[in-house]
Amino acid sequence: MSTKEKIQEEVDILEKEVFQHEIVLHNDEVNTFDHVIDALMDVCEHTLEQAEQCAMLVHYKGKCTVKSGEFKDLEPRCSKLLQLGLSAELI
């Protein structure tokens, strides 16, 4: 039997650090749960369950992060939420 020798190389991996931005949705007394849920599914591509959970968090906690990612992806989404009458900010 021959002995197989495993050679392990140490490789430095450079990771690009990308600052993640967030869309934060704030509670208001104007929009219905259905409107908020529909907007989150349409604009943020949430599943029904995700949208419902976010709507509940916004209602009871006052705000909720509904989407994270790069600024160039989130900016048009946040603008669309604002156009739909929701209280959102991009941080």
Protein backbone atom coordinates (compact mmCIF):
# COMPACT_ATOMS: atom_id res chain seq x y z
CA MET A 1 0.00 0.00 0.00
CA SER A 2 1.18 3.45 -0.79
CA THR A 3 0.72 6.40 1.41
CA LYS A 4 -0.95 9.38 -0.17
CA GLU A 5 0.26 12.66 1.03
CA LYS A 6 -2.14 15.50 1.09
CA ILE A 7 -0.67 18.88 0.53
CA GLN A 8 -2.65 21.75 1.87
CA GLU A 9 -1.99 25.17 0.52
CA GLU A 10 -2.82 28.24 2.45
CA VAL A 11 -4.63 30.64 0.21
CA ASP A 12 -5.41 34.21 1.10
CA ILE A 13 -8.86 35.15 -0.02
CA LEU A 14 -9.63 38.78 -0.44
CA GLU A 15 -13.24 39.57 0.23
CA LYS A 16 -14.77 42.72 -1.07
CA GLU A 17 -16.37 44.47 1.85
CA VAL A 18 -19.67 45.90 0.74
CA PHE A 19 -21.55 48.14 3.11
CA GLN A 20 -25.07 46.83 3.26
CA HIS A 21 -27.79 49.43 3.18
CA GLU A 22 -31.30 48.83 4.49
CA ILE A 23 -34.82 49.93 3.67
CA VAL A 24 -36.62 50.59 6.93
CA LEU A 25 -40.40 50.74 6.85
CA HIS A 26 -42.11 52.89 9.49
CA ASN A 27 -45.57 52.54 10.97
CA ASP A 28 -48.30 54.97 9.96
CA GLU A 29 -51.98 55.29 10.67
CA VAL A 30 -52.94 55.53 6.99
CA ASN A 31 -52.10 52.33 5.14
CA THR A 32 -53.94 49.04 5.59
CA PHE A 33 -52.20 45.75 6.28
CA ASP A 34 -53.26 44.51 2.85
CA HIS A 35 -51.71 47.52 1.10
CA VAL A 36 -48.43 47.14 3.00
CA ILE A 37 -48.30 43.40 2.34
CA ASP A 38 -49.03 43.85 -1.38
CA ALA A 39 -46.37 46.57 -1.64
CA LEU A 40 -43.72 44.44 0.06
CA MET A 41 -44.46 41.47 -2.17
CA ASP A 42 -44.36 43.63 -5.30
CA VAL A 43 -41.48 45.99 -4.54
CA CYS A 44 -39.26 43.95 -2.21
CA GLU A 45 -40.09 40.55 -3.70
CA HIS A 46 -41.22 39.17 -0.33
CA THR A 47 -43.21 35.99 -0.02
CA LEU A 48 -46.66 36.36 1.50
CA GLU A 49 -45.33 35.11 4.84
CA GLN A 50 -42.38 37.52 4.84
CA ALA A 51 -44.61 40.46 3.97
CA GLU A 52 -47.12 39.56 6.69
CA GLN A 53 -44.37 39.25 9.30
CA CYS A 54 -42.84 42.60 8.33
CA ALA A 55 -46.26 44.28 8.42
CA MET A 56 -46.86 42.92 11.92
CA LEU A 57 -43.42 44.05 13.13
CA VAL A 58 -43.97 47.53 11.70
CA HIS A 59 -47.37 47.71 13.38
CA TYR A 60 -46.23 46.56 16.81
CA LYS A 61 -42.61 47.75 16.93
CA GLY A 62 -42.97 50.94 14.89
CA LYS A 63 -40.46 50.00 12.22
CA CYS A 64 -38.82 47.07 10.48
CA THR A 65 -35.96 46.50 8.05
CA VAL A 66 -37.69 45.11 4.97
CA LYS A 67 -34.75 44.78 2.56
CA SER A 68 -30.94 44.84 2.79
CA GLY A 69 -28.41 45.12 0.02
CA GLU A 70 -26.47 47.49 -2.18
CA PHE A 71 -27.58 51.09 -2.53
CA LYS A 72 -28.07 50.90 -6.30
CA ASP A 73 -30.59 48.06 -5.85
CA LEU A 74 -32.42 49.53 -2.87
CA GLU A 75 -32.79 53.15 -3.97
CA PRO A 76 -35.43 52.52 -6.66
CA ARG A 77 -37.25 50.10 -4.36
CA CYS A 78 -37.42 52.66 -1.56
CA SER A 79 -38.64 55.30 -4.03
CA LYS A 80 -41.40 52.94 -5.18
CA LEU A 81 -42.51 52.30 -1.60
CA LEU A 82 -42.68 56.05 -1.04
CA GLN A 83 -44.71 56.49 -4.25
CA LEU A 84 -47.14 53.89 -2.91
CA GLY A 85 -47.65 56.07 0.18
CA LEU A 86 -45.59 54.05 2.64
CA SER A 87 -43.22 55.61 5.16
CA ALA A 88 -39.80 54.22 4.24
CA GLU A 89 -36.20 55.34 4.48
CA LEU A 90 -32.94 54.09 3.04
CA ILE A 91 -30.10 53.90 5.53
